[in-house]
């Protein structure tokens, strides 16, 4: 177990407490700011995630590589689900994308 100093604990607790006092209304008043949420916490149930995320007022959903396995041949079906839920796809996350220029072609070939 890692030891934490009293000072560090109080600092973290103060930041956490302060964060809970921030109203989401502040973000709603910023022009052109749309918030998205990641579907990772739904454990691969991306359609449920999209419905829940949209119902909470988020404007976008981040999907991950597991979605690719399900929809790689049904891209229009996934697109329709995103549109049906009034969401956009600001980011698709994959744990295996390389930034090494020497591996660029193998990364493209993977998709």
N, C-alpha and C. Protein backbone atom coordinates (compact mmCIF):
# COMPACT_ATOMS: atom_id res chain seq x y z
N UNK A 1 0.84 -1.18 0.00
CA UNK A 1 0.00 0.00 0.00
C UNK A 1 0.89 1.24 0.00
N UNK A 2 0.52 2.21 -0.78
CA UNK A 2 1.28 3.44 -0.89
C UNK A 2 0.85 4.41 0.21
N UNK A 3 1.84 5.03 0.84
CA UNK A 3 1.56 6.02 1.87
C UNK A 3 1.25 7.36 1.22
N UNK A 4 0.32 8.09 1.78
CA UNK A 4 0.00 9.42 1.27
C UNK A 4 0.14 10.39 2.44
N UNK A 5 0.73 11.52 2.17
CA UNK A 5 0.92 12.50 3.24
C UNK A 5 -0.41 13.17 3.57
N UNK A 6 -0.52 13.69 4.77
CA UNK A 6 -1.73 14.40 5.17
C UNK A 6 -1.96 15.61 4.26
N UNK A 7 -0.89 16.31 3.90
CA UNK A 7 -1.00 17.48 3.04
C UNK A 7 -1.56 17.09 1.66
N UNK A 8 -1.03 16.01 1.09
CA UNK A 8 -1.51 15.54 -0.21
C UNK A 8 -2.96 15.08 -0.13
N UNK A 9 -3.30 14.37 0.94
CA UNK A 9 -4.68 13.92 1.14
C UNK A 9 -5.64 15.10 1.21
N UNK A 10 -5.29 16.11 2.00
CA UNK A 10 -6.16 17.28 2.15
C UNK A 10 -6.29 18.04 0.82
N UNK A 11 -5.20 18.11 0.09
CA UNK A 11 -5.23 18.78 -1.21
C UNK A 11 -6.18 18.04 -2.16
N UNK A 12 -6.04 16.74 -2.25
CA UNK A 12 -6.89 15.93 -3.13
C UNK A 12 -8.35 15.98 -2.68
N UNK A 13 -8.59 15.89 -1.39
CA UNK A 13 -9.96 15.96 -0.88
C UNK A 13 -10.58 17.32 -1.16
N UNK A 14 -9.79 18.37 -1.05
CA UNK A 14 -10.28 19.71 -1.34
C UNK A 14 -10.63 19.88 -2.80
N UNK A 15 -9.79 19.35 -3.67
CA UNK A 15 -10.06 19.43 -5.11
C UNK A 15 -11.31 18.63 -5.48
N UNK A 16 -11.45 17.47 -4.88
CA UNK A 16 -12.63 16.65 -5.16
C UNK A 16 -13.90 17.34 -4.68
N UNK A 17 -13.84 17.91 -3.50
CA UNK A 17 -15.00 18.63 -2.96
C UNK A 17 -15.33 19.83 -3.82
N UNK A 18 -14.33 20.56 -4.24
CA UNK A 18 -14.56 21.73 -5.10
C UNK A 18 -15.18 21.32 -6.43
N UNK A 19 -14.73 20.20 -6.98
CA UNK A 19 -15.25 19.74 -8.27
C UNK A 19 -16.73 19.40 -8.17
N UNK A 20 -17.17 18.91 -7.03
CA UNK A 20 -18.59 18.57 -6.89
C UNK A 20 -19.46 19.81 -6.80
N UNK A 21 -18.88 20.95 -6.51
CA UNK A 21 -19.64 22.19 -6.41
C UNK A 21 -19.81 22.90 -7.74
N UNK A 22 -19.09 22.44 -8.76
CA UNK A 22 -19.19 23.07 -10.08
C UNK A 22 -20.50 22.64 -10.73
N UNK A 23 -21.25 23.58 -11.18
CA UNK A 23 -22.52 23.31 -11.83
C UNK A 23 -22.28 23.02 -13.31
N UNK A 24 -22.96 22.00 -13.83
CA UNK A 24 -22.85 21.68 -15.25
C UNK A 24 -23.45 22.80 -16.09
N UNK A 25 -24.27 23.65 -15.49
CA UNK A 25 -24.86 24.77 -16.22
C UNK A 25 -23.78 25.71 -16.77
N UNK A 26 -22.65 25.77 -16.08
CA UNK A 26 -21.55 26.62 -16.54
C UNK A 26 -21.13 26.19 -17.94
N UNK A 27 -21.02 24.88 -18.16
CA UNK A 27 -20.59 24.38 -19.45
C UNK A 27 -21.67 24.59 -20.51
N UNK A 28 -22.92 24.54 -20.12
CA UNK A 28 -24.02 24.73 -21.06
C UNK A 28 -24.04 26.15 -21.62
N UNK A 29 -23.47 27.09 -20.90
CA UNK A 29 -23.50 28.49 -21.33
C UNK A 29 -22.31 28.88 -22.20
N UNK A 30 -21.37 27.96 -22.36
CA UNK A 30 -20.21 28.24 -23.21
C UNK A 30 -20.62 27.97 -24.65
N UNK A 31 -20.56 28.97 -25.52
CA UNK A 31 -20.99 28.76 -26.90
C UNK A 31 -20.14 27.71 -27.61
N UNK A 32 -20.80 26.88 -28.36
CA UNK A 32 -20.14 25.86 -29.19
C UNK A 32 -19.36 24.82 -28.40
N UNK A 33 -19.69 24.63 -27.13
CA UNK A 33 -19.03 23.59 -26.35
C UNK A 33 -19.99 22.42 -26.22
N UNK A 34 -19.64 21.33 -26.84
CA UNK A 34 -20.45 20.12 -26.77
C UNK A 34 -19.65 19.05 -26.04
N UNK A 35 -20.25 18.45 -25.04
CA UNK A 35 -19.56 17.43 -24.27
C UNK A 35 -19.93 16.04 -24.75
N UNK A 36 -18.96 15.15 -24.75
CA UNK A 36 -19.17 13.77 -25.13
C UNK A 36 -18.76 12.88 -23.96
N UNK A 37 -19.15 11.62 -24.03
CA UNK A 37 -18.82 10.68 -22.98
C UNK A 37 -18.38 9.37 -23.62
N UNK A 38 -17.51 8.65 -22.98
CA UNK A 38 -16.99 7.41 -23.51
C UNK A 38 -17.88 6.23 -23.13
N UNK A 39 -18.07 5.32 -24.07
CA UNK A 39 -18.92 4.14 -23.86
C UNK A 39 -18.20 3.01 -23.14
N UNK A 40 -16.95 3.20 -22.77
CA UNK A 40 -16.16 2.12 -22.19
C UNK A 40 -16.78 1.56 -20.90
N UNK A 41 -17.44 2.39 -20.14
CA UNK A 41 -17.98 1.93 -18.85
C UNK A 41 -19.21 1.05 -19.00
N UNK A 42 -19.72 0.88 -20.22
CA UNK A 42 -20.87 0.00 -20.46
C UNK A 42 -20.42 -1.40 -20.84
N UNK A 43 -19.15 -1.68 -20.81
CA UNK A 43 -18.64 -3.03 -21.03
C UNK A 43 -19.00 -3.65 -22.36
N UNK A 44 -18.93 -2.87 -23.45
CA UNK A 44 -19.21 -3.41 -24.77
C UNK A 44 -20.66 -3.30 -25.21
N UNK A 45 -21.52 -2.80 -24.35
CA UNK A 45 -22.93 -2.61 -24.71
C UNK A 45 -23.11 -1.20 -25.27
N UNK A 46 -22.57 -1.01 -26.47
CA UNK A 46 -22.49 0.33 -27.05
C UNK A 46 -23.85 0.94 -27.37
N UNK A 47 -24.82 0.13 -27.79
CA UNK A 47 -26.14 0.68 -28.08
C UNK A 47 -26.80 1.21 -26.81
N UNK A 48 -26.66 0.47 -25.70
CA UNK A 48 -27.17 0.95 -24.41
C UNK A 48 -26.44 2.22 -23.99
N UNK A 49 -25.14 2.22 -24.21
CA UNK A 49 -24.33 3.38 -23.85
C UNK A 49 -24.80 4.62 -24.60
N UNK A 50 -25.02 4.47 -25.90
CA UNK A 50 -25.46 5.63 -26.69
C UNK A 50 -26.79 6.17 -26.19
N UNK A 51 -27.73 5.28 -25.88
CA UNK A 51 -29.04 5.72 -25.38
C UNK A 51 -28.89 6.46 -24.05
N UNK A 52 -28.11 5.88 -23.15
CA UNK A 52 -27.93 6.50 -21.83
C UNK A 52 -27.19 7.83 -21.93
N UNK A 53 -26.14 7.85 -22.72
CA UNK A 53 -25.33 9.07 -22.88
C UNK A 53 -26.18 10.19 -23.46
N UNK A 54 -26.98 9.86 -24.48
CA UNK A 54 -27.86 10.87 -25.09
C UNK A 54 -28.92 11.35 -24.10
N UNK A 55 -29.45 10.43 -23.29
CA UNK A 55 -30.50 10.81 -22.34
C UNK A 55 -29.98 11.75 -21.26
N UNK A 56 -28.68 11.73 -21.04
CA UNK A 56 -28.08 12.62 -20.04
C UNK A 56 -27.72 13.98 -20.62
N UNK A 57 -27.93 14.15 -21.91
CA UNK A 57 -27.69 15.45 -22.53
C UNK A 57 -26.35 15.61 -23.20
N UNK A 58 -25.55 14.57 -23.21
CA UNK A 58 -24.27 14.66 -23.90
C UNK A 58 -24.52 14.70 -25.40
N UNK A 59 -23.62 15.31 -26.13
CA UNK A 59 -23.79 15.50 -27.57
C UNK A 59 -22.99 14.51 -28.40
N UNK A 60 -22.09 13.78 -27.78
CA UNK A 60 -21.26 12.85 -28.52
C UNK A 60 -20.93 11.62 -27.70
N UNK A 61 -20.42 10.60 -28.39
CA UNK A 61 -20.02 9.36 -27.73
C UNK A 61 -18.67 8.93 -28.29
N UNK A 62 -17.79 8.50 -27.41
CA UNK A 62 -16.51 7.95 -27.83
C UNK A 62 -16.66 6.43 -27.83
N UNK A 63 -16.43 5.83 -28.97
CA UNK A 63 -16.48 4.38 -29.07
C UNK A 63 -15.07 3.83 -29.12
N UNK A 64 -14.94 2.54 -28.81
CA UNK A 64 -13.62 1.93 -28.75
C UNK A 64 -13.50 0.78 -29.75
N UNK A 65 -12.35 0.15 -29.75
CA UNK A 65 -12.02 -0.88 -30.73
C UNK A 65 -13.01 -2.05 -30.73
N UNK A 66 -13.62 -2.37 -29.59
CA UNK A 66 -14.57 -3.48 -29.57
C UNK A 66 -15.76 -3.20 -30.49
N UNK A 67 -16.10 -1.94 -30.70
CA UNK A 67 -17.19 -1.58 -31.59
C UNK A 67 -16.81 -1.91 -33.03
N UNK A 68 -15.56 -1.76 -33.36
CA UNK A 68 -15.09 -2.05 -34.71
C UNK A 68 -15.33 -3.52 -35.04
N UNK A 69 -15.05 -4.41 -34.10
CA UNK A 69 -15.25 -5.84 -34.35
C UNK A 69 -16.71 -6.14 -34.69
N UNK A 70 -17.63 -5.48 -34.02
CA UNK A 70 -19.06 -5.72 -34.23
C UNK A 70 -19.56 -5.08 -35.52
N UNK A 71 -19.10 -3.88 -35.82
CA UNK A 71 -19.66 -3.10 -36.92
C UNK A 71 -18.75 -2.91 -38.14
N UNK A 72 -17.65 -3.62 -38.23
CA UNK A 72 -16.72 -3.38 -39.34
C UNK A 72 -17.35 -3.62 -40.71
N UNK A 73 -18.35 -4.46 -40.79
CA UNK A 73 -19.04 -4.68 -42.06
C UNK A 73 -20.43 -4.05 -42.07
N UNK A 74 -20.78 -3.36 -40.97
CA UNK A 74 -22.10 -2.73 -40.86
C UNK A 74 -21.95 -1.27 -40.45
N UNK A 75 -21.11 -0.55 -41.15
CA UNK A 75 -20.80 0.83 -40.80
C UNK A 75 -22.05 1.71 -40.82
N UNK A 76 -22.89 1.54 -41.82
CA UNK A 76 -24.11 2.36 -41.91
C UNK A 76 -25.06 2.10 -40.75
N UNK A 77 -25.10 0.86 -40.27
CA UNK A 77 -25.95 0.54 -39.11
C UNK A 77 -25.46 1.29 -37.87
N UNK A 78 -24.16 1.31 -37.67
CA UNK A 78 -23.60 2.05 -36.54
C UNK A 78 -23.86 3.55 -36.69
N UNK A 79 -23.64 4.06 -37.89
CA UNK A 79 -23.88 5.48 -38.15
C UNK A 79 -25.34 5.83 -37.87
N UNK A 80 -26.27 4.97 -38.30
CA UNK A 80 -27.69 5.21 -38.04
C UNK A 80 -27.99 5.24 -36.54
N UNK A 81 -27.35 4.37 -35.78
CA UNK A 81 -27.56 4.36 -34.33
C UNK A 81 -27.06 5.65 -33.68
N UNK A 82 -25.93 6.12 -34.15
CA UNK A 82 -25.38 7.36 -33.61
C UNK A 82 -26.33 8.52 -33.93
N UNK A 83 -26.80 8.59 -35.16
CA UNK A 83 -27.72 9.65 -35.57
C UNK A 83 -29.05 9.54 -34.85
N UNK A 84 -29.59 8.33 -34.71
CA UNK A 84 -30.86 8.12 -34.03
C UNK A 84 -30.82 8.66 -32.60
N UNK A 85 -29.67 8.56 -31.98
CA UNK A 85 -29.51 9.04 -30.60
C UNK A 85 -29.08 10.50 -30.53
N UNK A 86 -29.10 11.19 -31.68
CA UNK A 86 -28.71 12.61 -31.74
C UNK A 86 -27.31 12.84 -31.20
N UNK A 87 -26.41 11.95 -31.54
CA UNK A 87 -25.03 12.05 -31.09
C UNK A 87 -24.11 12.21 -32.30
N UNK A 88 -22.88 12.59 -32.01
CA UNK A 88 -21.81 12.59 -32.99
C UNK A 88 -20.69 11.70 -32.45
N UNK A 89 -19.78 11.35 -33.32
CA UNK A 89 -18.65 10.51 -32.93
C UNK A 89 -17.39 11.36 -32.99
N UNK A 90 -17.06 12.06 -31.89
CA UNK A 90 -15.89 12.94 -31.92
C UNK A 90 -14.57 12.18 -31.88
N UNK A 91 -14.61 10.92 -31.43
CA UNK A 91 -13.37 10.17 -31.31
C UNK A 91 -13.64 8.68 -31.32
N UNK A 92 -12.83 7.96 -32.04
CA UNK A 92 -12.84 6.50 -32.01
C UNK A 92 -11.50 6.09 -31.44
N UNK A 93 -11.53 5.34 -30.36
CA UNK A 93 -10.30 5.00 -29.66
C UNK A 93 -9.94 3.54 -29.88
N UNK A 94 -8.69 3.30 -30.16
CA UNK A 94 -8.21 1.94 -30.34
C UNK A 94 -6.94 1.79 -29.54
N UNK A 95 -6.75 0.84 -28.81
CA UNK A 95 -5.52 0.71 -28.03
C UNK A 95 -4.31 0.35 -28.86
N UNK A 96 -4.47 0.09 -30.15
CA UNK A 96 -3.37 -0.44 -30.92
C UNK A 96 -2.88 0.46 -32.05
N UNK A 97 -3.21 1.69 -32.07
CA UNK A 97 -2.72 2.58 -33.12
C UNK A 97 -1.30 3.01 -32.77
N UNK A 98 -0.42 2.86 -33.73
CA UNK A 98 0.98 3.22 -33.54
C UNK A 98 1.24 4.63 -34.08
N UNK A 99 2.11 5.36 -33.44
CA UNK A 99 2.49 6.67 -33.96
C UNK A 99 3.85 6.63 -34.65
N UNK A 100 4.46 5.46 -34.66
CA UNK A 100 5.75 5.28 -35.32
C UNK A 100 5.56 5.35 -36.84
N UNK A 101 6.17 6.32 -37.52
CA UNK A 101 6.00 6.45 -38.97
C UNK A 101 6.34 5.16 -39.72
N UNK A 102 7.25 4.38 -39.20
CA UNK A 102 7.63 3.14 -39.86
C UNK A 102 6.50 2.11 -39.84
N UNK A 103 5.55 2.27 -38.91
CA UNK A 103 4.44 1.32 -38.79
C UNK A 103 3.13 1.88 -39.33
N UNK A 104 3.20 3.02 -40.02
CA UNK A 104 1.98 3.69 -40.51
C UNK A 104 1.15 2.76 -41.40
N UNK A 105 1.79 2.11 -42.36
CA UNK A 105 1.03 1.27 -43.29
C UNK A 105 0.39 0.09 -42.58
N UNK A 106 1.08 -0.53 -41.62
CA UNK A 106 0.48 -1.67 -40.90
C UNK A 106 -0.71 -1.21 -40.06
N UNK A 107 -0.66 0.00 -39.54
CA UNK A 107 -1.79 0.55 -38.78
C UNK A 107 -2.98 0.77 -39.71
N UNK A 108 -2.73 1.31 -40.89
CA UNK A 108 -3.81 1.54 -41.86
C UNK A 108 -4.38 0.20 -42.32
N UNK A 109 -3.52 -0.77 -42.57
CA UNK A 109 -3.97 -2.09 -43.03
C UNK A 109 -4.82 -2.78 -41.98
N UNK A 110 -4.54 -2.53 -40.71
CA UNK A 110 -5.30 -3.16 -39.61
C UNK A 110 -6.77 -2.77 -39.69
N UNK A 111 -7.04 -1.51 -40.03
CA UNK A 111 -8.41 -1.06 -40.09
C UNK A 111 -9.02 -1.47 -41.37
